[in-house]
PDB file of N, CA and C in Angstrom:
ATOM      1  N   LYS A   1    -141.730  78.664 -18.576  1.00  0.00           N
ATOM      2  CA  LYS A   1    -142.392  79.238 -18.528  1.00  0.00           C
ATOM      3  C   LYS A   1    -143.338  79.243 -17.199  1.00  0.00           C
ATOM      4  N   LEU A   2    -143.629  79.806 -16.438  1.00  0.00           N
ATOM      5  CA  LEU A   2    -144.275  79.439 -15.135  1.00  0.00           C
ATOM      6  C   LEU A   2    -146.128  79.263 -15.475  1.00  0.00           C
ATOM      7  N   GLY A   3    -146.514  78.173 -15.232  1.00  0.00           N
ATOM      8  CA  GLY A   3    -147.706  77.904 -15.525  1.00  0.00           C
ATOM      9  C   GLY A   3    -148.067  76.958 -16.209  1.00  0.00           C
ATOM     10  N   GLN A   4    -146.775  76.586 -17.129  1.00  0.00           N
ATOM     11  CA  GLN A   4    -146.629  75.672 -18.300  1.00  0.00           C
ATOM     12  C   GLN A   4    -147.164  74.113 -17.901  1.00  0.00           C
ATOM     13  N   LYS A   5    -148.215  73.907 -18.660  1.00  0.00           N
ATOM     14  CA  LYS A   5    -148.804  72.580 -18.818  1.00  0.00           C
ATOM     15  C   LYS A   5    -148.047  71.800 -19.616  1.00  0.00           C
ATOM     16  N   ASP A   6    -147.854  71.685 -20.644  1.00  0.00           N
ATOM     17  CA  ASP A   6    -147.460  70.960 -22.339  1.00  0.00           C
ATOM     18  C   ASP A   6    -145.968  71.040 -22.304  1.00  0.00           C
ATOM     19  N   PHE A   7    -145.353  70.072 -21.785  1.00  0.00           N
ATOM     20  CA  PHE A   7    -144.036  70.295 -22.103  1.00  0.00           C
ATOM     21  C   PHE A   7    -143.280  69.313 -23.117  1.00  0.00           C
ATOM     22  N   GLN A   8    -144.369  68.702 -24.498  1.00  0.00           N
ATOM     23  CA  GLN A   8    -144.162  68.278 -25.131  1.00  0.00           C
ATOM     24  C   GLN A   8    -142.854  68.275 -26.258  1.00  0.00           C
ATOM     25  N   ALA A   9    -143.025  69.505 -26.826  1.00  0.00           N
ATOM     26  CA  ALA A   9    -142.125  70.317 -27.549  1.00  0.00           C
ATOM     27  C   ALA A   9    -140.130  70.154 -26.631  1.00  0.00           C
ATOM     28  N   GLU A  10    -140.360  70.400 -25.416  1.00  0.00           N
ATOM     29  CA  GLU A  10    -139.434  70.391 -24.963  1.00  0.00           C
ATOM     30  C   GLU A  10    -138.937  69.319 -24.998  1.00  0.00           C
ATOM     31  N   ILE A  11    -139.801  67.914 -23.962  1.00  0.00           N
ATOM     32  CA  ILE A  11    -138.959  66.893 -24.247  1.00  0.00           C
ATOM     33  C   ILE A  11    -138.941  66.155 -25.501  1.00  0.00           C
ATOM     34  N   SER A  12    -139.555  66.825 -26.810  1.00  0.00           N
ATOM     35  CA  SER A  12    -138.791  66.375 -28.650  1.00  0.00           C
ATOM     36  C   SER A  12    -137.658  66.703 -28.356  1.00  0.00           C
ATOM     37  N   THR A  13    -137.770  68.163 -28.108  1.00  0.00           N
ATOM     38  CA  THR A  13    -136.022  68.782 -28.285  1.00  0.00           C
ATOM     39  C   THR A  13    -134.912  67.545 -27.406  1.00  0.00           C
ATOM     40  N   LEU A  14    -134.932  67.424 -26.101  1.00  0.00           N
ATOM     41  CA  LEU A  14    -134.428  66.694 -25.102  1.00  0.00           C
ATOM     42  C   LEU A  14    -134.010  65.683 -26.085  1.00  0.00           C
ATOM     43  N   ARG A  15    -135.034  64.785 -26.663  1.00  0.00           N
ATOM     44  CA  ARG A  15    -135.015  63.584 -27.293  1.00  0.00           C
ATOM     45  C   ARG A  15    -134.495  63.548 -28.540  1.00  0.00           C
ATOM     46  N   ALA A  16    -134.313  64.586 -29.254  1.00  0.00           N
ATOM     47  CA  ALA A  16    -133.374  64.687 -30.803  1.00  0.00           C
ATOM     48  C   ALA A  16    -131.964  64.737 -30.328  1.00  0.00           C
ATOM     49  N   SER A  17    -132.035  65.249 -29.211  1.00  0.00           N
ATOM     50  CA  SER A  17    -130.486  65.852 -28.487  1.00  0.00           C
ATOM     51  C   SER A  17    -129.719  64.616 -27.717  1.00  0.00           C
ATOM     52  N   ASN A  18    -130.201  63.851 -27.145  1.00  0.00           N
ATOM     53  CA  ASN A  18    -129.643  62.121 -27.130  1.00  0.00           C
ATOM     54  C   ASN A  18    -128.890  62.891 -25.796  1.00  0.00           C
ATOM     55  N   PRO A  19    -129.259  63.154 -24.836  1.00  0.00           N
ATOM     56  CA  PRO A  19    -128.234  63.972 -23.884  1.00  0.00           C
ATOM     57  C   PRO A  19    -128.186  62.912 -22.518  1.00  0.00           C
ATOM     58  N   GLY A  20    -127.223  62.931 -21.785  1.00  0.00           N
ATOM     59  CA  GLY A  20    -126.609  61.628 -21.180  1.00  0.00           C
ATOM     60  C   GLY A  20    -127.652  62.092 -19.115  1.00  0.00           C
ATOM     61  N   ALA A  21    -128.167  62.974 -19.370  1.00  0.00           N
ATOM     62  CA  ALA A  21    -128.550  63.523 -18.000  1.00  0.00           C
ATOM     63  C   ALA A  21    -129.499  64.614 -18.488  1.00  0.00           C
ATOM     64  N   VAL A  22    -130.645  64.716 -17.620  1.00  0.00           N
ATOM     65  CA  VAL A  22    -131.265  66.454 -17.665  1.00  0.00           C
ATOM     66  C   VAL A  22    -132.184  66.801 -16.164  1.00  0.00           C
ATOM     67  N   PHE A  23    -131.286  67.999 -16.299  1.00  0.00           N
ATOM     68  CA  PHE A  23    -131.756  68.966 -14.803  1.00  0.00           C
ATOM     69  C   PHE A  23    -133.118  69.380 -15.355  1.00  0.00           C
ATOM     70  N   VAL A  24    -134.521  69.205 -14.233  1.00  0.00           N
ATOM     71  CA  VAL A  24    -134.857  70.608 -14.419  1.00  0.00           C
ATOM     72  C   VAL A  24    -135.477  71.116 -12.838  1.00  0.00           C
ATOM     73  N   PHE A  25    -135.725  72.140 -13.050  1.00  0.00           N
ATOM     74  CA  PHE A  25    -136.423  72.376 -11.840  1.00  0.00           C
ATOM     75  C   PHE A  25    -137.553  73.300 -12.451  1.00  0.00           C
ATOM     76  N   GLN A  26    -138.619  73.014 -11.774  1.00  0.00           N
ATOM     77  CA  GLN A  26    -140.484  72.741 -12.573  1.00  0.00           C
ATOM     78  C   GLN A  26    -141.303  72.504 -10.625  1.00  0.00           C
ATOM     79  N   PRO A  27    -141.845  73.956 -10.274  1.00  0.00           N
ATOM     80  CA  PRO A  27    -142.130  73.629  -8.464  1.00  0.00           C
ATOM     81  C   PRO A  27    -143.213  73.276  -9.014  1.00  0.00           C
ATOM     82  N   GLY A  28    -143.655  72.539  -7.917  1.00  0.00           N
ATOM     83  CA  GLY A  28    -145.223  72.334  -7.652  1.00  0.00           C
ATOM     84  C   GLY A  28    -145.889  71.314  -8.925  1.00  0.00           C
ATOM     85  N   GLY A  29    -147.067  71.660  -9.488  1.00  0.00           N
ATOM     86  CA  GLY A  29    -147.616  70.983 -10.590  1.00  0.00           C
ATOM     87  C   GLY A  29    -146.926  70.894 -11.525  1.00  0.00           C
ATOM     88  N   MET A  30    -146.302  71.869 -11.878  1.00  0.00           N
ATOM     89  CA  MET A  30    -145.185  72.317 -13.527  1.00  0.00           C
ATOM     90  C   MET A  30    -144.460  70.791 -13.489  1.00  0.00           C
ATOM     91  N   GLY A  31    -143.660  70.361 -12.046  1.00  0.00           N
ATOM     92  CA  GLY A  31    -143.040  69.717 -11.880  1.00  0.00           C
ATOM     93  C   GLY A  31    -143.439  68.317 -12.403  1.00  0.00           C
ATOM     94  N   ILE A  32    -144.442  68.146 -11.552  1.00  0.00           N
ATOM     95  CA  ILE A  32    -145.372  67.092 -11.762  1.00  0.00           C
ATOM     96  C   ILE A  32    -146.032  66.251 -13.215  1.00  0.00           C
ATOM     97  N   ASN A  33    -146.145  67.323 -14.327  1.00  0.00           N
ATOM     98  CA  ASN A  33    -146.864  67.401 -15.874  1.00  0.00           C
ATOM     99  C   ASN A  33    -145.362  66.991 -16.376  1.00  0.00           C
ATOM    100  N   PHE A  34    -144.365  67.699 -15.762  1.00  0.00           N
ATOM    101  CA  PHE A  34    -143.170  67.218 -16.622  1.00  0.00           C
ATOM    102  C   PHE A  34    -142.544  65.479 -16.884  1.00  0.00           C
ATOM    103  N   VAL A  35    -142.661  65.741 -15.230  1.00  0.00           N
ATOM    104  CA  VAL A  35    -142.392  64.048 -15.027  1.00  0.00           C
ATOM    105  C   VAL A  35    -142.846  63.293 -15.535  1.00  0.00           C
ATOM    106  N   LYS A  36    -144.254  63.361 -15.485  1.00  0.00           N
ATOM    107  CA  LYS A  36    -145.268  62.684 -15.912  1.00  0.00           C
ATOM    108  C   LYS A  36    -145.264  62.480 -17.662  1.00  0.00           C
ATOM    109  N   GLN A  37    -144.788  63.392 -18.292  1.00  0.00           N
ATOM    110  CA  GLN A  37    -144.908  63.667 -19.620  1.00  0.00           C
ATOM    111  C   GLN A  37    -143.666  63.081 -20.380  1.00  0.00           C
ATOM    112  N   TYR A  38    -142.510  63.588 -19.258  1.00  0.00           N
ATOM    113  CA  TYR A  38    -141.214  62.647 -19.362  1.00  0.00           C
ATOM    114  C   TYR A  38    -140.774  61.132 -19.668  1.00  0.00           C
ATOM    115  N   ASN A  39    -141.416  60.623 -18.657  1.00  0.00           N
ATOM    116  CA  ASN A  39    -142.189  59.320 -18.676  1.00  0.00           C
ATOM    117  C   ASN A  39    -142.876  58.705 -19.611  1.00  0.00           C
ATOM    118  N   GLN A  40    -144.328  59.211 -20.034  1.00  0.00           N
ATOM    119  CA  GLN A  40    -144.761  59.505 -21.417  1.00  0.00           C
ATOM    120  C   GLN A  40    -144.300  59.195 -22.450  1.00  0.00           C
ATOM    121  N   ALA A  41    -143.224  59.335 -22.531  1.00  0.00           N
ATOM    122  CA  ALA A  41    -142.226  59.439 -23.681  1.00  0.00           C
ATOM    123  C   ALA A  41    -141.345  58.559 -23.687  1.00  0.00           C
ATOM    124  N   GLY A  42    -141.193  58.022 -23.119  1.00  0.00           N
ATOM    125  CA  GLY A  42    -139.904  56.863 -22.493  1.00  0.00           C
ATOM    126  C   GLY A  42    -138.619  57.365 -22.152  1.00  0.00           C
ATOM    127  N   LEU A  43    -138.811  58.168 -22.198  1.00  0.00           N
ATOM    128  CA  LEU A  43    -137.278  58.652 -21.753  1.00  0.00           C
ATOM    129  C   LEU A  43    -136.888  58.509 -20.155  1.00  0.00           C
ATOM    130  N   MET A  44    -137.795  58.192 -19.018  1.00  0.00           N
ATOM    131  CA  MET A  44    -137.482  57.826 -18.230  1.00  0.00           C
ATOM    132  C   MET A  44    -136.365  56.733 -18.076  1.00  0.00           C
ATOM    133  N   GLY A  45    -136.016  55.699 -18.487  1.00  0.00           N
ATOM    134  CA  GLY A  45    -135.952  54.344 -18.233  1.00  0.00           C
ATOM    135  C   GLY A  45    -134.135  54.735 -19.357  1.00  0.00           C
ATOM    136  N   SER A  46    -134.302  55.540 -19.982  1.00  0.00           N
ATOM    137  CA  SER A  46    -133.179  55.621 -20.440  1.00  0.00           C
ATOM    138  C   SER A  46    -131.760  56.922 -20.984  1.00  0.00           C
ATOM    139  N   VAL A  47    -132.904  58.015 -20.313  1.00  0.00           N
ATOM    140  CA  VAL A  47    -132.387  59.301 -19.587  1.00  0.00           C
ATOM    141  C   VAL A  47    -132.457  60.072 -18.236  1.00  0.00           C
ATOM    142  N   PRO A  48    -131.374  59.795 -17.356  1.00  0.00           N
ATOM    143  CA  PRO A  48    -131.565  59.953 -15.663  1.00  0.00           C
ATOM    144  C   PRO A  48    -132.494  61.346 -15.945  1.00  0.00           C
ATOM    145  N   LEU A  49    -133.199  61.741 -14.759  1.00  0.00           N
ATOM    146  CA  LEU A  49    -133.756  62.748 -14.819  1.00  0.00           C
ATOM    147  C   LEU A  49    -133.495  63.065 -12.972  1.00  0.00           C
ATOM    148  N   TYR A  50    -132.859  64.379 -13.223  1.00  0.00           N
ATOM    149  CA  TYR A  50    -132.234  64.958 -11.850  1.00  0.00           C
ATOM    150  C   TYR A  50    -133.085  66.172 -11.619  1.00  0.00           C
ATOM    151  N   THR A  51    -133.268  66.544  -9.966  1.00  0.00           N
ATOM    152  CA  THR A  51    -134.040  67.742 -10.038  1.00  0.00           C
ATOM    153  C   THR A  51    -133.760  68.266  -8.270  1.00  0.00           C
ATOM    154  N   ALA A  52    -133.587  69.318  -8.223  1.00  0.00           N
ATOM    155  CA  ALA A  52    -133.221  69.718  -7.155  1.00  0.00           C
ATOM    156  C   ALA A  52    -133.318  69.171  -5.772  1.00  0.00           C
ATOM    157  N   PHE A  53    -134.721  68.100  -6.252  1.00  0.00           N
ATOM    158  CA  PHE A  53    -134.719  67.345  -5.148  1.00  0.00           C
ATOM    159  C   PHE A  53    -134.100  65.572  -5.392  1.00  0.00           C
ATOM    160  N   THR A  54    -133.234  65.552  -6.247  1.00  0.00           N
ATOM    161  CA  THR A  54    -132.848  64.523  -6.110  1.00  0.00           C
ATOM    162  C   THR A  54    -131.080  64.569  -6.579  1.00  0.00           C
ATOM    163  N   VAL A  55    -130.007  65.612  -6.259  1.00  0.00           N
ATOM    164  CA  VAL A  55    -129.283  66.325  -6.274  1.00  0.00           C
ATOM    165  C   VAL A  55    -128.357  66.407  -4.918  1.00  0.00           C
TER     166      VAL A  55
END
């Protein structure tokens, strides 16, 4: 959702689905918030995160 700041629901769903990797496209501040929350959830070290800028 454009302008979204809280991604906890999405991150909880990701954690429950146990993915091999995650690809996201979140522009600007939304992307920064997602990455911060992804890291705070402890997923950064266990589930690779790819963005339009890393592939």
